Amino acid sequence: MEHIKPEPELPIRSKSNITLVTESRDSPRYRRRLTRRALVRPATLFVPQDPNETPEHHFPLQTLSARSTQSRFINRYDSREILILVDGSCINNGSKDPVAKPPAAGCSFTYKGGGSEVAFPFMDVGYNDGGMVGFPLEKCGPGGESYNATSNRAKLRAVIAALEFRAWQEEGWRRVVVTTDLEYVVYGATNYLPQWVRRRWRTRRSTTVANRDLWEELQGIIEKLQRAGTLVSFWLLLPGSMAKTRSALVQETKDAAREAAMVHPDATAVEFTRLCGIML
């Protein structure tokens, strides 16, 4: 990895209700280096009432005026919990062919609504408030280092963006459930992370853990929410399960991530950029 000096740009760019704040213009808020002696309080694993129930059926779209004027995917069995779906896509994932185009990745998350209305805040187009956001994976991580795009990195980045998109704790939610089909993200956030930290960021096979910068960033956000009284849990959608294959929302979120990877010019996603939703 290497440091890339970002081109001069405005500190804040606003696309209607979504504000983009680049890392170089924003003071560090969450990330701390997790060393061997660090105490890691991981997220928890969410177990659905019915494993065949789709996310949108388990968490139907509702408006709970006591917490927010905006609609949310609220747990039908516990109205204190909301759902966010995330996904990531990478074109030429893992390719080392010098002739082929370099990998390009996109991220997406759905926090309300869904359907054809997808907001792509990095693009100079009109804003859509459909409750689904797509954006390109940046070339640089939160520390300024440059990394190759991968599918794993894109999905991990999508989780970070979703959890910091809104001040969920201020809406009064007891739990935010993040839904994805990637074991790497779910088991990493709920189980493996404390083990990686104790081994000085080595796996059981003594290989270096990839994406340390994003794992540290994510853990910082999770702990910040925990301190404010909002827990973070992960729901793993198993391959071939009815919860995944019958969910239109899962497919729409996946399509948004792939579109984000394909439609954005490279120059639009260099520096790590925070997406801040306002009145959404």
Protein backbone atom coordinates (compact mmCIF):
# COMPACT_ATOMS: atom_id res chain seq x y z
CA MET A 1 0.00 0.00 0.00
CA GLU A 2 1.06 3.58 -0.51
CA HIS A 3 -0.05 7.06 0.37
CA ILE A 4 -1.82 9.02 -2.34
CA LYS A 5 -1.96 12.77 -2.10
CA PRO A 6 -5.56 13.73 -2.87
CA GLU A 7 -6.26 16.45 -5.39
CA PRO A 8 -7.47 19.74 -3.91
CA GLU A 9 -11.21 19.72 -3.46
CA LEU A 10 -13.97 21.35 -1.50
CA PRO A 11 -14.14 20.15 2.13
CA ILE A 12 -17.82 19.37 1.89
CA ARG A 13 -19.95 18.47 -1.10
CA SER A 14 -23.68 18.28 -0.74
CA LYS A 15 -26.11 16.32 -2.88
CA SER A 16 -29.40 17.53 -1.46
CA ASN A 17 -29.88 15.56 1.78
CA ILE A 18 -26.61 13.62 1.54
CA THR A 19 -23.42 15.45 2.47
CA LEU A 20 -20.01 14.09 1.43
CA VAL A 21 -17.13 14.85 3.80
CA THR A 22 -13.63 13.82 2.71
CA GLU A 23 -11.28 12.35 5.29
CA SER A 24 -8.61 15.04 4.88
CA ARG A 25 -11.18 17.70 5.81
CA ASP A 26 -12.67 15.81 8.73
CA SER A 27 -11.14 15.29 12.18
CA PRO A 28 -10.67 11.60 13.15
CA ARG A 29 -13.75 10.43 15.02
CA TYR A 30 -13.83 6.69 15.42
CA ARG A 31 -10.74 4.80 14.42
CA ARG A 32 -8.20 3.70 16.98
CA ARG A 33 -5.38 1.27 16.53
CA LEU A 34 -6.34 -2.07 18.01
CA THR A 35 -3.23 -3.56 19.57
CA ARG A 36 -2.87 -6.92 21.26
CA ARG A 37 -3.95 -5.64 24.69
CA ALA A 38 -6.97 -3.72 23.39
CA LEU A 39 -10.36 -4.71 24.76
CA VAL A 40 -12.64 -5.51 21.83
CA ARG A 41 -16.40 -5.65 22.35
CA PRO A 42 -17.62 -7.21 19.11
CA ALA A 43 -21.04 -6.97 17.55
CA THR A 44 -23.50 -9.79 18.08
CA LEU A 45 -25.06 -12.32 15.72
CA PHE A 46 -28.74 -11.81 14.90
CA VAL A 47 -30.92 -14.91 14.79
CA PRO A 48 -34.25 -14.39 12.96
CA GLN A 49 -37.51 -15.74 14.36
CA ASP A 50 -37.95 -17.76 11.16
CA PRO A 51 -34.86 -18.58 9.03
CA ASN A 52 -37.01 -18.56 5.88
CA GLU A 53 -38.48 -15.13 6.51
CA THR A 54 -37.18 -12.45 4.13
CA PRO A 55 -35.61 -9.32 5.59
CA GLU A 56 -38.48 -7.12 4.38
CA HIS A 57 -41.05 -9.43 5.97
CA HIS A 58 -39.19 -9.74 9.28
CA PHE A 59 -38.55 -5.98 9.25
CA PRO A 60 -41.48 -4.39 7.38
CA LEU A 61 -41.22 -0.76 6.35
CA GLN A 62 -42.97 1.38 8.95
CA THR A 63 -42.97 4.85 10.46
CA LEU A 64 -42.71 5.01 14.23
CA SER A 65 -43.34 8.66 14.97
CA ALA A 66 -42.10 8.36 18.55
CA ARG A 67 -38.59 7.81 17.18
CA SER A 68 -38.43 9.25 13.67
CA THR A 69 -40.61 10.98 11.11
CA GLN A 70 -38.90 8.84 8.46
CA SER A 71 -39.83 5.28 7.58
CA ARG A 72 -37.52 2.48 8.71
CA PHE A 73 -37.37 -1.30 8.41
CA ILE A 74 -38.64 -2.11 11.92
CA ASN A 75 -38.60 -5.55 13.50
CA ARG A 76 -42.17 -6.86 13.61
CA TYR A 77 -41.30 -8.76 16.82
CA ASP A 78 -39.44 -5.90 18.56
CA SER A 79 -40.19 -2.32 17.55
CA ARG A 80 -36.92 -1.12 19.09
CA GLU A 81 -34.85 -2.70 16.33
CA ILE A 82 -34.24 -1.63 12.72
CA LEU A 83 -32.65 -3.27 9.70
CA ILE A 84 -30.10 -2.03 7.14
CA LEU A 85 -29.12 -4.16 4.14
CA VAL A 86 -25.61 -3.82 2.73
CA ASP A 87 -23.74 -5.18 -0.27
CA GLY A 88 -20.60 -4.70 -2.29
CA SER A 89 -19.50 -5.66 -5.78
CA CYS A 90 -16.12 -5.77 -7.48
CA ILE A 91 -15.47 -5.99 -11.21
CA ASN A 92 -12.32 -8.00 -12.01
CA ASN A 93 -12.17 -9.00 -8.36
CA GLY A 94 -8.71 -10.28 -7.44
CA SER A 95 -7.40 -9.87 -11.00
CA LYS A 96 -3.61 -9.61 -11.35
CA ASP A 97 -3.65 -9.51 -15.13
CA PRO A 98 -1.56 -6.44 -16.14
CA VAL A 99 -3.49 -6.20 -19.42
CA ALA A 100 -6.95 -6.25 -17.87
CA LYS A 101 -8.57 -3.21 -16.33
CA PRO A 102 -7.81 -2.80 -12.61
CA PRO A 103 -10.49 -3.95 -10.19
CA ALA A 104 -13.29 -1.45 -9.53
CA ALA A 105 -15.73 -1.84 -6.67
CA GLY A 106 -19.02 -0.39 -5.58
CA CYS A 107 -20.90 -0.34 -2.28
CA SER A 108 -24.55 -0.01 -1.38
CA PHE A 109 -26.90 0.03 1.57
CA THR A 110 -30.66 0.23 1.99
CA TYR A 111 -32.09 1.87 5.10
CA LYS A 112 -35.68 2.49 3.99
CA GLY A 113 -37.88 2.07 0.94
CA GLY A 114 -36.13 0.40 -1.94
CA GLY A 115 -37.05 -0.19 -5.56
CA SER A 116 -35.71 1.72 -8.53
CA GLU A 117 -34.93 4.96 -6.68
CA VAL A 118 -31.22 4.71 -5.84
CA ALA A 119 -29.16 7.70 -4.72
CA PHE A 120 -25.63 7.92 -6.18
CA PRO A 121 -24.32 10.97 -4.26
CA PHE A 122 -20.89 10.94 -5.94
CA MET A 123 -22.49 11.54 -9.31
CA ASP A 124 -23.47 14.99 -10.54
CA VAL A 125 -27.09 14.06 -11.03
CA GLY A 126 -30.38 14.72 -9.31
CA TYR A 127 -30.92 13.21 -5.90
CA ASN A 128 -33.36 10.34 -5.30
CA ASP A 129 -34.73 9.67 -1.83
CA GLY A 130 -35.59 6.04 -2.35
CA GLY A 131 -33.85 4.85 0.80
CA MET A 132 -31.05 3.12 -1.11
CA VAL A 133 -27.55 4.54 -1.57
CA GLY A 134 -24.81 3.41 -3.96
CA PHE A 135 -21.26 4.72 -4.08
CA PRO A 136 -17.83 3.69 -5.40
CA LEU A 137 -15.21 2.11 -3.16
CA GLU A 138 -12.51 4.71 -2.60
CA LYS A 139 -8.92 4.06 -3.60
CA CYS A 140 -7.75 5.17 -0.14
CA GLY A 141 -8.72 3.97 3.30
CA PRO A 142 -9.47 6.16 6.32
CA GLY A 143 -5.75 6.50 7.07
CA GLY A 144 -4.84 7.74 3.58
CA GLU A 145 -3.20 4.52 2.39
CA SER A 146 -4.04 3.13 -1.05
CA TYR A 147 -5.55 -0.35 -1.36
CA ASN A 148 -6.61 -2.60 -4.23
CA ALA A 149 -10.34 -3.00 -4.65
CA THR A 150 -11.87 -6.33 -3.63
CA SER A 151 -15.38 -7.60 -3.05
CA ASN A 152 -14.65 -8.18 0.65
CA ARG A 153 -13.37 -4.64 1.06
CA ALA A 154 -16.41 -3.21 -0.73
CA LYS A 155 -18.89 -5.00 1.52
CA LEU A 156 -16.98 -4.04 4.66
CA ARG A 157 -16.92 -0.43 3.49
CA ALA A 158 -20.68 -0.56 2.89
CA VAL A 159 -21.27 -1.55 6.52
CA ILE A 160 -19.21 1.42 7.74
CA ALA A 161 -21.10 3.84 5.51
CA ALA A 162 -24.48 2.47 6.61
CA LEU A 163 -23.75 2.68 10.34
CA GLU A 164 -22.47 6.25 10.21
CA PHE A 165 -24.96 7.53 7.64
CA ARG A 166 -27.34 8.62 10.37
CA ALA A 167 -27.07 9.11 14.14
CA TRP A 168 -29.16 6.00 14.73
CA GLN A 169 -28.75 6.22 18.50
CA GLU A 170 -30.40 9.64 18.50
CA GLU A 171 -33.51 8.12 16.93
CA GLY A 172 -33.76 5.89 19.98
CA TRP A 173 -33.18 2.45 18.44
CA ARG A 174 -31.99 -0.28 20.79
CA ARG A 175 -30.42 -2.31 18.00
CA VAL A 176 -29.35 -1.87 14.39
CA VAL A 177 -29.31 -5.15 12.47
CA VAL A 178 -26.98 -5.20 9.47
CA THR A 179 -27.89 -7.81 6.87
CA THR A 180 -25.45 -9.28 4.33
CA ASP A 181 -24.66 -12.59 2.64
CA LEU A 182 -20.89 -12.43 3.27
CA GLU A 183 -19.53 -14.64 6.07
CA TYR A 184 -16.27 -12.65 6.08
CA VAL A 185 -18.10 -9.56 7.31
CA VAL A 186 -20.55 -11.24 9.69
CA TYR A 187 -18.16 -13.62 11.42
CA GLY A 188 -15.35 -11.11 11.35
CA ALA A 189 -17.41 -8.49 13.19
CA THR A 190 -19.03 -10.90 15.65
CA ASN A 191 -16.33 -13.49 16.33
CA TYR A 192 -12.96 -13.28 14.59
CA LEU A 193 -12.00 -9.67 15.33
CA PRO A 194 -11.01 -10.15 19.00
CA GLN A 195 -8.94 -13.19 17.98
CA TRP A 196 -7.19 -11.28 15.19
CA VAL A 197 -6.30 -8.48 17.57
CA ARG A 198 -4.87 -10.89 20.18
CA ARG A 199 -2.73 -12.51 17.47
CA ARG A 200 -1.39 -9.11 16.37
CA TRP A 201 -3.60 -9.13 13.27
CA ARG A 202 -2.70 -12.64 12.16
CA THR A 203 -5.08 -15.41 11.17
CA ARG A 204 -4.87 -18.94 12.51
CA ARG A 205 -2.64 -19.74 9.56
CA SER A 206 -0.33 -16.84 10.50
CA THR A 207 -1.26 -14.79 7.43
CA THR A 208 -1.84 -11.05 7.73
CA VAL A 209 -5.47 -10.04 8.22
CA ALA A 210 -6.63 -7.99 5.24
CA ASN A 211 -8.40 -4.65 5.54
CA ARG A 212 -7.19 -3.85 9.05
CA ASP A 213 -7.91 -0.15 8.52
CA LEU A 214 -11.59 -0.83 7.79
CA TRP A 215 -11.96 -3.34 10.62
CA GLU A 216 -10.60 -0.79 13.08
CA GLU A 217 -12.88 1.88 11.64
CA LEU A 218 -15.91 -0.39 11.90
CA GLN A 219 -15.13 -1.45 15.46
CA GLY A 220 -14.84 2.18 16.50
CA ILE A 221 -18.30 2.92 15.10
CA ILE A 222 -19.79 -0.17 16.77
CA GLU A 223 -18.33 0.82 20.15
CA LYS A 224 -19.53 4.40 19.75
CA LEU A 225 -23.06 3.15 19.19
CA GLN A 226 -22.73 0.73 22.11
CA ARG A 227 -21.75 3.55 24.46
CA ALA A 228 -24.82 5.48 23.33
CA GLY A 229 -27.08 2.51 24.08
CA THR A 230 -27.52 1.17 20.54
CA LEU A 231 -26.26 -2.34 19.82
CA VAL A 232 -25.12 -3.59 16.43
CA SER A 233 -25.93 -7.11 15.25
CA PHE A 234 -25.30 -8.93 11.97
CA TRP A 235 -27.75 -11.17 10.14
CA LEU A 236 -26.08 -13.61 7.74
CA LEU A 237 -28.21 -14.57 4.74
CA LEU A 238 -27.21 -18.11 3.87
CA PRO A 239 -26.68 -19.12 0.22
CA GLY A 240 -29.79 -20.71 -1.26
CA SER A 241 -31.97 -19.82 1.72
CA MET A 242 -35.48 -18.55 1.05
CA ALA A 243 -34.66 -15.49 3.16
CA LYS A 244 -32.15 -14.53 0.47
CA THR A 245 -33.56 -15.91 -2.78
CA ARG A 246 -37.11 -14.63 -2.22
CA SER A 247 -36.06 -11.15 -1.15
CA ALA A 248 -36.47 -8.44 -3.77
CA LEU A 249 -34.75 -6.00 -1.42
CA VAL A 250 -31.61 -8.12 -1.26
CA GLN A 251 -31.40 -8.25 -5.05
CA GLU A 252 -32.05 -4.53 -5.44
CA THR A 253 -29.30 -3.69 -2.96
CA LYS A 254 -26.93 -6.02 -4.81
CA ASP A 255 -27.79 -4.40 -8.15
CA ALA A 256 -27.11 -0.94 -6.71
CA ALA A 257 -23.62 -2.00 -5.59
CA ARG A 258 -22.78 -3.39 -9.01
CA GLU A 259 -24.08 -0.27 -10.74
CA ALA A 260 -21.94 1.87 -8.42
CA ALA A 261 -18.89 -0.15 -9.44
CA MET A 262 -19.61 0.27 -13.14
CA VAL A 263 -20.82 3.83 -13.61
CA HIS A 264 -18.34 5.90 -11.62
CA PRO A 265 -15.14 7.24 -13.22
CA ASP A 266 -12.03 6.40 -11.20
CA ALA A 267 -11.36 10.06 -10.39
CA THR A 268 -14.54 10.37 -8.33
CA ALA A 269 -13.47 7.94 -5.62
CA VAL A 270 -9.93 8.59 -4.46
CA GLU A 271 -10.15 9.83 -0.90
CA PHE A 272 -12.09 8.11 1.88
CA THR A 273 -15.38 10.03 2.10
CA ARG A 274 -18.09 9.97 4.73
CA LEU A 275 -21.72 10.01 3.65
CA CYS A 276 -23.96 11.92 6.04
CA GLY A 277 -27.73 11.69 5.61
CA ILE A 278 -29.73 14.71 6.72
CA MET A 279 -33.45 14.43 7.49
CA LEU A 280 -33.64 11.07 5.76
